[in-house]
Amino acid sequence: MVNVEALNMTESVGNYVKRRRVPVIMPDTYTVYFVPAISGESIAHGYQQVLAEVAVNNNLNVCDLCKQGILLKSTNNEVLKYALKITTFSDIDDLEAQIVNKCVVEDIGGFMYAQKEKNLKRTSNFYVGYMIPVKEALEGTVIEPQLQTRYALGTPFVKREEERRVLGQMIYYVEISSSSYVFSFDFDSKFVGKATFSAGRVGTPLVNDRKQRVIVALQALKKFLIEFMFGAKKTRYLPVVDWESLVIAVSDDVWTIPSSFTKNYIERAEQKLKAVNYNTKLFVYPRDGGFEEVINRAISEALNRTSL
């Protein structure tokens, strides 16, 4: 439940700042609603900022740009030289190995190196999508513009040139919304610290600290969830947040939670577990304890798995 938020804005039209909207279909009637949303890019950026911070605190390699929350990653040769201090490489496999070694964020979050002569892609090891209002709140979700003013009384700095007069204030509008949102986050540790680009080398270890990288990724996820560390305009539109429910699955193979778009997703997750189980264990809030307690137990379970 997120009240009075402006976590994902799109554009300014004059003095009007618009909130991100997406079309969502109501399952029962197939009616389309345009509702507030927070993009997967926004959520992913927030997680990777936390990941960079946690990795640095654990003495793992993070490139100079990711340390600052600037996620250009290994886009081209100029970025390689500036952020990762990579000036030479023998082939594209050597480049992948160097980048993965020098930056945990690019190892876990992926990158796209695009030069005319060579290209290299590393797919992210975590997956996240848009936050959208839950089905039961869809019809009641609204976006409302709020009038704001900035005063400059007694100064010559705010004026309308065509009228040649000093104004006392600047008026602008910011769209806000409140809703019960849903989103999913999947993390697959299988290729952390391993080669993924060349077909003959997929799965080849590239680092000596793979287990520590997985631990840091999970610690970052824990902090990300507990502290709600993503979204824009939080300096003046810090939202009122209350987690209503959460399900974390820890599994030895890919096992995704059913869509949380409808409130019975916990029951559907338990039904799926009865039919598909790869040594999978579910941790449910609030049924299994407090929010932080459930996350701590799930992360501890993941860290204890021998598959790391």
Protein backbone atom coordinates (compact mmCIF):
# COMPACT_ATOMS: atom_id res chain seq x y z
CA MET A 1 0.00 0.00 0.00
CA VAL A 2 1.66 3.23 -1.20
CA ASN A 3 -0.07 6.49 -0.37
CA VAL A 4 0.59 9.96 -1.80
CA GLU A 5 3.48 9.12 -4.08
CA ALA A 6 5.14 10.44 -7.22
CA LEU A 7 7.63 7.59 -7.60
CA ASN A 8 7.77 7.54 -11.40
CA MET A 9 7.23 10.70 -13.45
CA THR A 10 7.49 10.87 -17.24
CA GLU A 11 7.59 14.40 -18.61
CA SER A 12 6.95 18.06 -17.92
CA VAL A 13 4.50 19.96 -20.11
CA GLY A 14 4.99 23.59 -19.22
CA ASN A 15 4.47 23.76 -15.46
CA TYR A 16 2.66 20.40 -15.32
CA VAL A 17 4.63 17.26 -14.32
CA LYS A 18 2.93 14.07 -15.51
CA ARG A 19 2.89 10.73 -13.75
CA ARG A 20 3.62 7.43 -15.55
CA ARG A 21 0.48 5.59 -16.70
CA VAL A 22 0.03 2.13 -18.20
CA PRO A 23 -3.00 0.29 -19.65
CA VAL A 24 -4.18 -2.64 -17.49
CA ILE A 25 -7.01 -5.05 -18.34
CA MET A 26 -9.57 -6.05 -15.70
CA PRO A 27 -9.70 -9.90 -15.90
CA ASP A 28 -13.46 -10.18 -15.31
CA THR A 29 -14.75 -7.60 -17.80
CA TYR A 30 -11.72 -7.05 -20.08
CA THR A 31 -12.17 -3.32 -19.48
CA VAL A 32 -8.96 -1.35 -19.98
CA TYR A 33 -7.93 1.15 -17.30
CA PHE A 34 -5.05 3.62 -17.52
CA VAL A 35 -3.50 3.48 -14.07
CA PRO A 36 -0.40 4.80 -12.26
CA ALA A 37 2.64 2.54 -12.40
CA ILE A 38 6.30 2.37 -11.44
CA SER A 39 8.51 1.05 -14.24
CA GLY A 40 10.74 -1.98 -13.99
CA GLU A 41 13.65 0.25 -14.98
CA SER A 42 13.04 2.42 -11.92
CA ILE A 43 12.90 -0.60 -9.61
CA ALA A 44 15.96 -2.21 -11.21
CA HIS A 45 17.93 1.03 -10.90
CA GLY A 46 17.09 1.21 -7.20
CA TYR A 47 18.15 -2.39 -6.58
CA GLN A 48 21.45 -1.95 -8.41
CA GLN A 49 22.25 1.19 -6.43
CA VAL A 50 21.79 -0.81 -3.24
CA LEU A 51 23.80 -3.69 -4.72
CA ALA A 52 26.72 -1.38 -5.50
CA GLU A 53 26.69 0.00 -1.95
CA VAL A 54 26.53 -3.43 -0.30
CA ALA A 55 29.25 -4.80 -2.62
CA VAL A 56 31.62 -1.92 -1.81
CA ASN A 57 31.01 -2.42 1.92
CA ASN A 58 31.98 -6.08 1.47
CA ASN A 59 35.19 -5.21 -0.43
CA LEU A 60 33.98 -6.55 -3.77
CA ASN A 61 34.86 -4.92 -7.08
CA VAL A 62 32.47 -2.24 -8.36
CA CYS A 63 33.29 0.07 -11.28
CA ASP A 64 33.71 3.81 -10.71
CA LEU A 65 30.38 4.74 -12.36
CA CYS A 66 28.23 2.11 -10.65
CA LYS A 67 29.65 3.25 -7.31
CA GLN A 68 28.04 6.63 -8.01
CA GLY A 69 24.72 5.13 -9.08
CA ILE A 70 25.44 6.00 -12.73
CA LEU A 71 24.52 2.78 -14.52
CA LEU A 72 26.04 3.40 -17.95
CA LYS A 73 27.85 0.10 -17.52
CA SER A 74 30.23 -1.11 -20.25
CA THR A 75 28.54 0.69 -23.11
CA ASN A 76 31.60 1.50 -25.22
CA ASN A 77 35.38 1.83 -25.15
CA GLU A 78 35.29 5.26 -23.47
CA VAL A 79 33.24 3.91 -20.57
CA LEU A 80 35.53 0.87 -20.30
CA LYS A 81 38.57 3.12 -19.96
CA TYR A 82 37.00 5.55 -17.52
CA ALA A 83 34.97 3.28 -15.22
CA LEU A 84 36.73 -0.09 -15.37
CA LYS A 85 40.25 0.92 -16.46
CA ILE A 86 40.11 -1.61 -19.31
CA THR A 87 42.26 -0.48 -22.23
CA THR A 88 43.05 -3.76 -24.02
CA PHE A 89 41.51 -7.18 -24.45
CA SER A 90 42.43 -10.11 -26.69
CA ASP A 91 38.90 -11.10 -27.75
CA ILE A 92 35.27 -10.74 -26.73
CA ASP A 93 35.53 -13.61 -24.20
CA ASP A 94 38.47 -11.89 -22.52
CA LEU A 95 36.46 -8.67 -22.39
CA GLU A 96 33.53 -10.41 -20.69
CA ALA A 97 35.89 -11.93 -18.13
CA GLN A 98 37.50 -8.56 -17.37
CA ILE A 99 34.18 -6.72 -17.00
CA VAL A 100 32.66 -9.41 -14.76
CA ASN A 101 35.76 -9.43 -12.57
CA LYS A 102 35.91 -5.65 -12.23
CA CYS A 103 32.21 -4.95 -11.47
CA VAL A 104 29.76 -7.01 -9.42
CA VAL A 105 26.86 -4.79 -10.55
CA GLU A 106 27.53 -5.53 -14.22
CA ASP A 107 28.01 -9.22 -13.42
CA ILE A 108 24.61 -9.46 -11.71
CA GLY A 109 22.70 -6.71 -13.52
CA GLY A 110 24.02 -7.30 -17.03
CA PHE A 111 25.39 -4.87 -19.64
CA MET A 112 25.49 -4.16 -23.37
CA TYR A 113 28.85 -3.36 -24.99
CA ALA A 114 28.13 -1.97 -28.46
CA GLN A 115 30.99 -0.99 -30.75
CA LYS A 116 30.96 -1.22 -34.54
CA GLU A 117 33.68 -3.85 -34.60
CA LYS A 118 32.53 -5.92 -31.60
CA ASN A 119 29.38 -6.47 -29.55
CA LEU A 120 28.92 -8.16 -26.19
CA LYS A 121 25.71 -8.70 -24.24
CA ARG A 122 25.29 -10.04 -20.72
CA THR A 123 21.71 -10.69 -19.61
CA SER A 124 20.76 -9.59 -16.11
CA ASN A 125 20.64 -12.29 -13.43
CA PHE A 126 17.64 -10.62 -11.82
CA TYR A 127 14.26 -9.93 -13.38
CA VAL A 128 11.70 -7.30 -12.42
CA GLY A 129 8.70 -5.67 -14.08
CA TYR A 130 6.28 -2.81 -13.60
CA MET A 131 4.56 -2.15 -10.30
CA ILE A 132 0.83 -1.84 -11.04
CA PRO A 133 -2.30 -1.53 -8.90
CA VAL A 134 -3.75 -4.83 -7.67
CA LYS A 135 -6.94 -6.00 -9.40
CA GLU A 136 -9.14 -5.29 -6.39
CA ALA A 137 -7.96 -1.64 -6.31
CA LEU A 138 -7.91 -1.04 -10.05
CA GLU A 139 -11.24 0.75 -10.40
CA GLY A 140 -10.58 2.95 -7.39
CA THR A 141 -7.10 4.13 -8.38
CA VAL A 142 -6.82 7.79 -9.37
CA ILE A 143 -4.15 10.27 -10.40
CA GLU A 144 -4.58 13.75 -8.95
CA PRO A 145 -2.59 16.93 -9.78
CA GLN A 146 -1.41 18.94 -6.79
CA LEU A 147 -0.93 22.69 -7.00
CA GLN A 148 2.47 23.85 -5.72
CA THR A 149 3.99 27.32 -5.50
CA ARG A 150 7.49 28.67 -5.01
CA TYR A 151 7.71 32.12 -3.52
CA ALA A 152 10.31 34.74 -4.42
CA LEU A 153 8.88 37.81 -2.76
CA GLY A 154 11.23 40.75 -2.48
CA THR A 155 13.63 39.49 -5.15
CA PRO A 156 14.08 40.33 -8.86
CA PHE A 157 14.77 36.73 -9.86
CA VAL A 158 11.30 35.55 -10.83
CA LYS A 159 9.77 37.71 -13.52
CA ARG A 160 7.78 37.52 -16.71
CA GLU A 161 9.82 39.37 -19.32
CA GLU A 162 6.96 40.19 -21.67
CA GLU A 163 5.14 41.99 -18.85
CA ARG A 164 8.35 43.38 -17.31
CA ARG A 165 7.13 42.85 -13.80
CA VAL A 166 8.42 40.88 -10.83
CA LEU A 167 6.21 37.98 -9.75
CA GLY A 168 5.77 36.84 -6.19
CA GLN A 169 5.46 33.16 -6.96
CA MET A 170 5.83 30.39 -9.52
CA ILE A 171 2.91 27.96 -9.87
CA TYR A 172 3.31 24.34 -10.96
CA TYR A 173 1.42 21.06 -10.74
CA VAL A 174 2.68 17.57 -9.84
CA GLU A 175 0.54 14.49 -10.40
CA ILE A 176 0.37 12.07 -7.47
CA SER A 177 -1.44 8.81 -6.82
CA SER A 178 -2.21 6.27 -4.11
CA SER A 179 -2.81 2.57 -4.60
CA SER A 180 -2.16 -0.96 -3.45
CA TYR A 181 0.60 -2.04 -5.84
CA VAL A 182 1.95 -5.45 -6.84
CA PHE A 183 5.29 -6.44 -8.32
CA SER A 184 7.60 -9.43 -8.64
CA PHE A 185 11.36 -9.82 -8.38
CA ASP A 186 13.21 -12.96 -9.50
CA PHE A 187 16.89 -13.69 -8.91
CA ASP A 188 18.68 -16.63 -10.53
CA SER A 189 22.18 -17.25 -9.16
CA LYS A 190 23.11 -19.86 -11.77
CA PHE A 191 25.31 -17.62 -13.93
CA VAL A 192 26.66 -15.18 -11.36
CA GLY A 193 30.42 -14.98 -11.91
CA LYS A 194 30.24 -17.21 -14.98
CA ALA A 195 30.56 -16.74 -18.73
CA THR A 196 27.31 -16.38 -20.69
CA PHE A 197 28.09 -14.91 -24.14
CA SER A 198 29.97 -17.47 -26.26
CA ALA A 199 28.11 -20.73 -26.76
CA GLY A 200 31.14 -22.92 -26.08
CA ARG A 201 31.99 -21.11 -22.82
CA VAL A 202 28.59 -20.73 -21.14
CA GLY A 203 28.91 -21.62 -17.46
CA THR A 204 32.70 -21.28 -17.33
CA PRO A 205 33.73 -19.70 -13.98
CA LEU A 206 35.21 -16.22 -14.36
CA VAL A 207 35.73 -15.20 -10.71
CA ASN A 208 37.01 -16.68 -7.47
CA ASP A 209 34.45 -14.98 -5.21
CA ARG A 210 31.23 -16.28 -6.77
CA LYS A 211 29.63 -17.34 -3.48
CA GLN A 212 30.33 -13.95 -1.89
CA ARG A 213 28.73 -12.24 -4.89
CA VAL A 214 25.56 -14.30 -4.46
CA ILE A 215 25.53 -13.47 -0.75
CA VAL A 216 25.89 -9.75 -1.51
CA ALA A 217 23.09 -9.90 -4.12
CA LEU A 218 20.75 -11.43 -1.54
CA GLN A 219 21.80 -8.98 1.19
CA ALA A 220 21.10 -6.13 -1.23
CA LEU A 221 17.66 -7.55 -2.00
CA LYS A 222 16.90 -7.73 1.72
CA LYS A 223 17.86 -4.07 2.24
CA PHE A 224 16.03 -3.04 -0.93
CA LEU A 225 12.75 -4.56 0.26
CA ILE A 226 12.91 -3.55 3.90
CA GLU A 227 13.90 0.07 3.22
CA PHE A 228 11.81 0.46 -0.01
CA MET A 229 14.86 1.92 -1.77
CA PHE A 230 13.60 2.96 -5.19
CA GLY A 231 11.52 5.61 -6.91
CA ALA A 232 11.78 9.30 -7.83
CA LYS A 233 10.78 12.58 -6.11
CA LYS A 234 11.15 11.09 -2.64
CA THR A 235 12.83 14.22 -1.28
CA ARG A 236 9.48 16.06 -1.29
CA TYR A 237 6.98 13.28 -2.00
CA LEU A 238 8.18 10.62 0.42
CA PRO A 239 5.32 8.10 0.25
CA VAL A 240 3.49 6.42 3.11
CA VAL A 241 4.27 2.72 2.64
CA ASP A 242 2.79 -0.37 4.30
CA TRP A 243 3.50 -3.89 3.04
CA GLU A 244 0.29 -5.93 2.96
CA SER A 245 1.71 -9.31 1.96
CA LEU A 246 4.84 -10.94 0.60
CA VAL A 247 5.80 -14.42 -0.63
CA ILE A 248 9.43 -15.44 -1.13
CA ALA A 249 10.27 -18.76 -2.77
CA VAL A 250 13.73 -20.30 -2.30
CA SER A 251 14.36 -23.12 -4.75
CA ASP A 252 17.17 -25.22 -6.21
CA ASP A 253 15.75 -24.65 -9.72
CA VAL A 254 13.67 -21.95 -11.39
CA TRP A 255 10.40 -21.56 -9.49
CA THR A 256 8.42 -18.34 -9.89
CA ILE A 257 5.62 -17.06 -7.68
CA PRO A 258 2.26 -16.87 -9.53
CA SER A 259 1.20 -13.34 -10.44
CA SER A 260 0.29 -11.25 -7.42
CA PHE A 261 -2.22 -9.23 -9.48
CA THR A 262 -5.09 -10.82 -7.52
CA LYS A 263 -5.21 -11.22 -3.75
CA ASN A 264 -5.39 -15.05 -3.84
CA TYR A 265 -1.81 -15.32 -5.14
CA ILE A 266 -0.62 -16.87 -1.87
CA GLU A 267 -3.10 -19.74 -2.21
CA ARG A 268 -2.12 -20.19 -5.87
CA ALA A 269 1.57 -20.29 -4.89
CA GLU A 270 0.83 -23.03 -2.36
CA GLN A 271 -1.15 -24.98 -4.98
CA LYS A 272 1.74 -24.69 -7.43
CA LEU A 273 4.16 -25.92 -4.77
CA LYS A 274 2.13 -29.13 -4.39
CA ALA A 275 2.45 -29.80 -8.13
CA VAL A 276 5.97 -28.45 -8.83
CA ASN A 277 8.72 -28.69 -6.23
CA TYR A 278 12.51 -28.44 -6.68
CA ASN A 279 13.33 -28.52 -2.98
CA THR A 280 11.28 -25.29 -2.94
CA LYS A 281 10.30 -23.54 0.27
CA LEU A 282 7.86 -20.66 0.68
CA PHE A 283 8.12 -17.84 3.21
CA VAL A 284 4.87 -15.90 3.65
CA TYR A 285 4.19 -12.56 5.31
CA PRO A 286 2.17 -12.01 7.49
CA ARG A 287 1.34 -15.66 8.08
CA ASP A 288 4.89 -16.73 9.04
CA GLY A 289 5.86 -13.69 11.13
CA GLY A 290 6.81 -10.04 10.83
CA PHE A 291 7.95 -8.51 7.55
CA GLU A 292 11.65 -8.26 8.42
CA GLU A 293 11.58 -11.68 10.10
CA VAL A 294 10.14 -13.41 7.01
CA ILE A 295 12.75 -11.79 4.74
CA ASN A 296 15.60 -12.70 7.12
CA ARG A 297 14.51 -16.33 7.26
CA ALA A 298 14.16 -16.56 3.48
CA ILE A 299 17.61 -15.04 2.86
CA SER A 300 19.16 -17.34 5.48
CA GLU A 301 17.59 -20.34 3.75
CA ALA A 302 18.99 -19.22 0.39
CA LEU A 303 22.46 -18.73 1.82
CA ASN A 304 22.45 -22.20 3.37
CA ARG A 305 21.65 -23.96 0.09
CA THR A 306 24.55 -26.09 -1.13
CA SER A 307 23.79 -25.09 -4.75
CA LEU A 308 25.57 -21.77 -4.17
